[in-house]
Amino acid sequence: MNKAYIVKCKCGGMVAAVMDNPNHKEDTAKEVAGCIQAGYTVERVDCEVVRNTEWCKCKPQKSKGTLPLNDGSSSPERSRI
């Protein structure tokens, strides 16, 4: 079964998912490391888990390339990875 990394906010919702593709090991490692550095919980799971995980309910950022602050609040401020 294919694997992926899910990135979770402190609220428990998923804020991102990264496929664990052997052809892109360096890119995957860089993305996962950035999420961990930003304080998110990262789990390696079956792809089916990604499809069934609820998304973060924190207020989304207006600009691209950002994730919610990992504080479980609905603050409009975001952390850039």
N, C-alpha and C. Protein backbone atom coordinates (compact mmCIF):
# COMPACT_ATOMS: atom_id res chain seq x y z
N MET A 1 0.84 -1.19 0.00
CA MET A 1 0.00 0.00 0.00
C MET A 1 0.88 1.25 0.00
N ASN A 2 0.47 2.27 -0.71
CA ASN A 2 1.21 3.53 -0.77
C ASN A 2 1.14 4.26 0.55
N LYS A 3 2.21 5.00 0.86
CA LYS A 3 2.29 5.74 2.11
C LYS A 3 2.34 7.24 1.84
N ALA A 4 1.97 8.00 2.85
CA ALA A 4 2.02 9.46 2.79
C ALA A 4 2.32 9.99 4.18
N TYR A 5 2.74 11.23 4.24
CA TYR A 5 2.92 11.92 5.51
C TYR A 5 1.78 12.91 5.65
N ILE A 6 1.11 12.91 6.81
CA ILE A 6 0.09 13.91 7.06
C ILE A 6 0.65 14.87 8.10
N VAL A 7 0.33 16.14 7.90
CA VAL A 7 0.78 17.21 8.78
C VAL A 7 -0.44 17.71 9.52
N LYS A 8 -0.36 17.68 10.87
CA LYS A 8 -1.52 18.04 11.67
C LYS A 8 -1.28 19.28 12.52
N CYS A 9 -2.30 20.11 12.60
CA CYS A 9 -2.32 21.28 13.46
C CYS A 9 -2.60 20.80 14.90
N LYS A 10 -2.33 21.65 15.88
CA LYS A 10 -2.63 21.28 17.27
C LYS A 10 -4.13 21.05 17.49
N CYS A 11 -4.96 21.62 16.61
CA CYS A 11 -6.40 21.40 16.72
C CYS A 11 -6.76 19.96 16.34
N GLY A 12 -5.79 19.23 15.74
CA GLY A 12 -6.01 17.85 15.33
C GLY A 12 -6.34 17.66 13.87
N GLY A 13 -6.64 18.76 13.17
CA GLY A 13 -6.97 18.68 11.76
C GLY A 13 -5.73 18.64 10.88
N MET A 14 -5.89 18.06 9.72
CA MET A 14 -4.79 17.97 8.77
C MET A 14 -4.63 19.30 8.04
N VAL A 15 -3.39 19.77 7.91
CA VAL A 15 -3.13 21.00 7.17
C VAL A 15 -2.39 20.73 5.86
N ALA A 16 -1.80 19.53 5.74
CA ALA A 16 -1.09 19.18 4.52
C ALA A 16 -0.87 17.67 4.48
N ALA A 17 -0.58 17.19 3.28
CA ALA A 17 -0.22 15.78 3.10
C ALA A 17 0.86 15.73 2.01
N VAL A 18 1.83 14.85 2.22
CA VAL A 18 2.93 14.68 1.27
C VAL A 18 3.03 13.20 0.93
N MET A 19 2.95 12.87 -0.34
CA MET A 19 3.11 11.48 -0.76
C MET A 19 4.54 11.02 -0.51
N ASP A 20 4.71 9.80 -0.03
CA ASP A 20 6.04 9.22 0.20
C ASP A 20 6.44 8.49 -1.08
N ASN A 21 6.99 9.26 -2.02
CA ASN A 21 7.37 8.74 -3.33
C ASN A 21 8.88 8.52 -3.37
N PRO A 22 9.34 7.29 -3.56
CA PRO A 22 10.77 7.00 -3.58
C PRO A 22 11.55 7.79 -4.64
N ASN A 23 10.88 8.23 -5.69
CA ASN A 23 11.54 9.02 -6.73
C ASN A 23 11.78 10.48 -6.33
N HIS A 24 11.20 10.88 -5.19
CA HIS A 24 11.31 12.27 -4.73
C HIS A 24 11.72 12.33 -3.26
N LYS A 25 12.66 11.48 -2.86
CA LYS A 25 13.07 11.39 -1.45
C LYS A 25 13.54 12.72 -0.89
N GLU A 26 14.37 13.44 -1.64
CA GLU A 26 14.92 14.70 -1.13
C GLU A 26 13.83 15.75 -0.95
N ASP A 27 12.93 15.87 -1.92
CA ASP A 27 11.84 16.84 -1.81
C ASP A 27 10.92 16.50 -0.64
N THR A 28 10.62 15.21 -0.51
CA THR A 28 9.75 14.76 0.58
C THR A 28 10.40 15.08 1.92
N ALA A 29 11.68 14.76 2.06
CA ALA A 29 12.40 15.02 3.31
C ALA A 29 12.41 16.51 3.64
N LYS A 30 12.62 17.35 2.63
CA LYS A 30 12.64 18.80 2.84
C LYS A 30 11.29 19.31 3.33
N GLU A 31 10.21 18.87 2.70
CA GLU A 31 8.87 19.31 3.09
C GLU A 31 8.51 18.85 4.50
N VAL A 32 8.78 17.58 4.78
CA VAL A 32 8.47 17.03 6.11
C VAL A 32 9.29 17.75 7.19
N ALA A 33 10.58 17.97 6.92
CA ALA A 33 11.44 18.66 7.88
C ALA A 33 10.95 20.07 8.16
N GLY A 34 10.51 20.78 7.12
CA GLY A 34 9.98 22.13 7.29
C GLY A 34 8.74 22.15 8.17
N CYS A 35 7.88 21.17 8.00
CA CYS A 35 6.67 21.08 8.82
C CYS A 35 7.01 20.79 10.27
N ILE A 36 7.97 19.90 10.49
CA ILE A 36 8.40 19.58 11.85
C ILE A 36 9.02 20.81 12.50
N GLN A 37 9.87 21.52 11.75
CA GLN A 37 10.50 22.74 12.27
C GLN A 37 9.46 23.78 12.64
N ALA A 38 8.37 23.84 11.90
CA ALA A 38 7.31 24.80 12.18
C ALA A 38 6.44 24.37 13.37
N GLY A 39 6.71 23.18 13.93
CA GLY A 39 6.00 22.74 15.12
C GLY A 39 4.81 21.84 14.89
N TYR A 40 4.64 21.39 13.66
CA TYR A 40 3.52 20.51 13.36
C TYR A 40 3.84 19.06 13.71
N THR A 41 2.80 18.28 13.95
CA THR A 41 2.93 16.84 14.12
C THR A 41 2.87 16.22 12.74
N VAL A 42 3.80 15.33 12.44
CA VAL A 42 3.83 14.67 11.14
C VAL A 42 3.77 13.16 11.38
N GLU A 43 2.86 12.50 10.66
CA GLU A 43 2.69 11.06 10.79
C GLU A 43 2.80 10.40 9.42
N ARG A 44 3.47 9.25 9.35
CA ARG A 44 3.52 8.46 8.11
C ARG A 44 2.38 7.45 8.18
N VAL A 45 1.51 7.49 7.19
CA VAL A 45 0.29 6.68 7.21
C VAL A 45 0.02 6.09 5.82
N ASP A 46 -0.90 5.15 5.75
CA ASP A 46 -1.40 4.66 4.47
C ASP A 46 -2.17 5.78 3.79
N CYS A 47 -2.14 5.81 2.47
CA CYS A 47 -2.85 6.86 1.73
C CYS A 47 -4.34 6.91 2.05
N GLU A 48 -4.91 5.78 2.36
CA GLU A 48 -6.33 5.74 2.71
C GLU A 48 -6.63 6.60 3.94
N VAL A 49 -5.69 6.67 4.87
CA VAL A 49 -5.86 7.49 6.07
C VAL A 49 -5.95 8.97 5.68
N VAL A 50 -5.15 9.37 4.70
CA VAL A 50 -5.19 10.76 4.25
C VAL A 50 -6.59 11.10 3.74
N ARG A 51 -7.16 10.21 2.98
CA ARG A 51 -8.50 10.45 2.42
C ARG A 51 -9.58 10.57 3.49
N ASN A 52 -9.34 9.96 4.65
CA ASN A 52 -10.36 9.94 5.70
C ASN A 52 -10.04 10.84 6.89
N THR A 53 -9.00 11.65 6.79
CA THR A 53 -8.63 12.54 7.88
C THR A 53 -9.29 13.90 7.68
N GLU A 54 -9.85 14.45 8.74
CA GLU A 54 -10.51 15.76 8.66
C GLU A 54 -9.48 16.88 8.52
N TRP A 55 -9.84 17.89 7.74
CA TRP A 55 -8.98 19.04 7.56
C TRP A 55 -9.05 19.97 8.76
N CYS A 56 -8.01 20.74 8.95
CA CYS A 56 -7.92 21.75 10.00
C CYS A 56 -9.07 22.74 9.85
N LYS A 57 -9.68 23.13 10.95
CA LYS A 57 -10.80 24.08 10.92
C LYS A 57 -10.36 25.50 11.24
N CYS A 58 -9.04 25.70 11.50
CA CYS A 58 -8.53 27.03 11.78
C CYS A 58 -8.72 27.91 10.55
N LYS A 59 -8.87 29.20 10.76
CA LYS A 59 -9.12 30.13 9.67
C LYS A 59 -7.97 30.11 8.67
N PRO A 60 -8.24 29.93 7.37
CA PRO A 60 -7.18 29.83 6.36
C PRO A 60 -6.52 31.17 6.07
N GLN A 61 -5.29 31.11 5.61
CA GLN A 61 -4.52 32.28 5.18
C GLN A 61 -4.95 32.66 3.77
N LYS A 62 -4.93 33.93 3.46
CA LYS A 62 -5.32 34.37 2.13
C LYS A 62 -4.26 34.10 1.07
N SER A 63 -2.98 34.15 1.44
CA SER A 63 -1.92 33.96 0.45
C SER A 63 -1.53 32.49 0.32
N LYS A 64 -0.96 32.13 -0.83
CA LYS A 64 -0.55 30.75 -1.08
C LYS A 64 0.71 30.40 -0.29
N GLY A 65 0.92 29.11 -0.07
CA GLY A 65 2.17 28.64 0.51
C GLY A 65 2.28 28.77 2.01
N THR A 66 1.15 28.93 2.71
CA THR A 66 1.20 29.05 4.15
C THR A 66 0.29 28.05 4.82
N LEU A 67 0.60 27.72 6.05
CA LEU A 67 -0.21 26.83 6.86
C LEU A 67 -0.68 27.59 8.09
N PRO A 68 -1.74 27.15 8.75
CA PRO A 68 -2.17 27.82 9.97
C PRO A 68 -1.10 27.73 11.04
N LEU A 69 -1.05 28.74 11.91
CA LEU A 69 -0.16 28.65 13.06
C LEU A 69 -0.54 27.39 13.82
N ASN A 70 0.42 26.74 14.39
CA ASN A 70 0.15 25.46 15.05
C ASN A 70 -0.23 25.66 16.51
N ASP A 71 -1.23 26.51 16.74
CA ASP A 71 -1.65 26.76 18.11
C ASP A 71 -3.11 26.37 18.37
N GLY A 72 -3.76 25.83 17.36
CA GLY A 72 -5.14 25.37 17.52
C GLY A 72 -6.15 26.50 17.55
N SER A 73 -5.70 27.73 17.37
CA SER A 73 -6.61 28.87 17.42
C SER A 73 -7.13 29.17 16.02
N SER A 74 -8.04 30.12 15.94
CA SER A 74 -8.55 30.52 14.63
C SER A 74 -7.95 31.86 14.23
N SER A 75 -6.72 32.13 14.66
CA SER A 75 -6.03 33.37 14.34
C SER A 75 -5.76 33.44 12.85
N PRO A 76 -5.89 34.64 12.25
CA PRO A 76 -5.61 34.77 10.83
C PRO A 76 -4.11 34.76 10.51
N GLU A 77 -3.26 34.89 11.53
CA GLU A 77 -1.82 34.84 11.30
C GLU A 77 -1.41 33.43 10.94
N ARG A 78 -0.39 33.32 10.10
CA ARG A 78 0.03 32.00 9.66
C ARG A 78 1.54 31.86 9.69
N SER A 79 1.99 30.66 9.68
CA SER A 79 3.40 30.35 9.66
C SER A 79 3.79 29.89 8.27
N ARG A 80 4.81 30.52 7.69
CA ARG A 80 5.26 30.16 6.34
C ARG A 80 6.30 29.07 6.45
N ILE A 81 6.20 28.05 5.59
CA ILE A 81 7.19 26.97 5.60
C ILE A 81 8.10 27.15 4.42
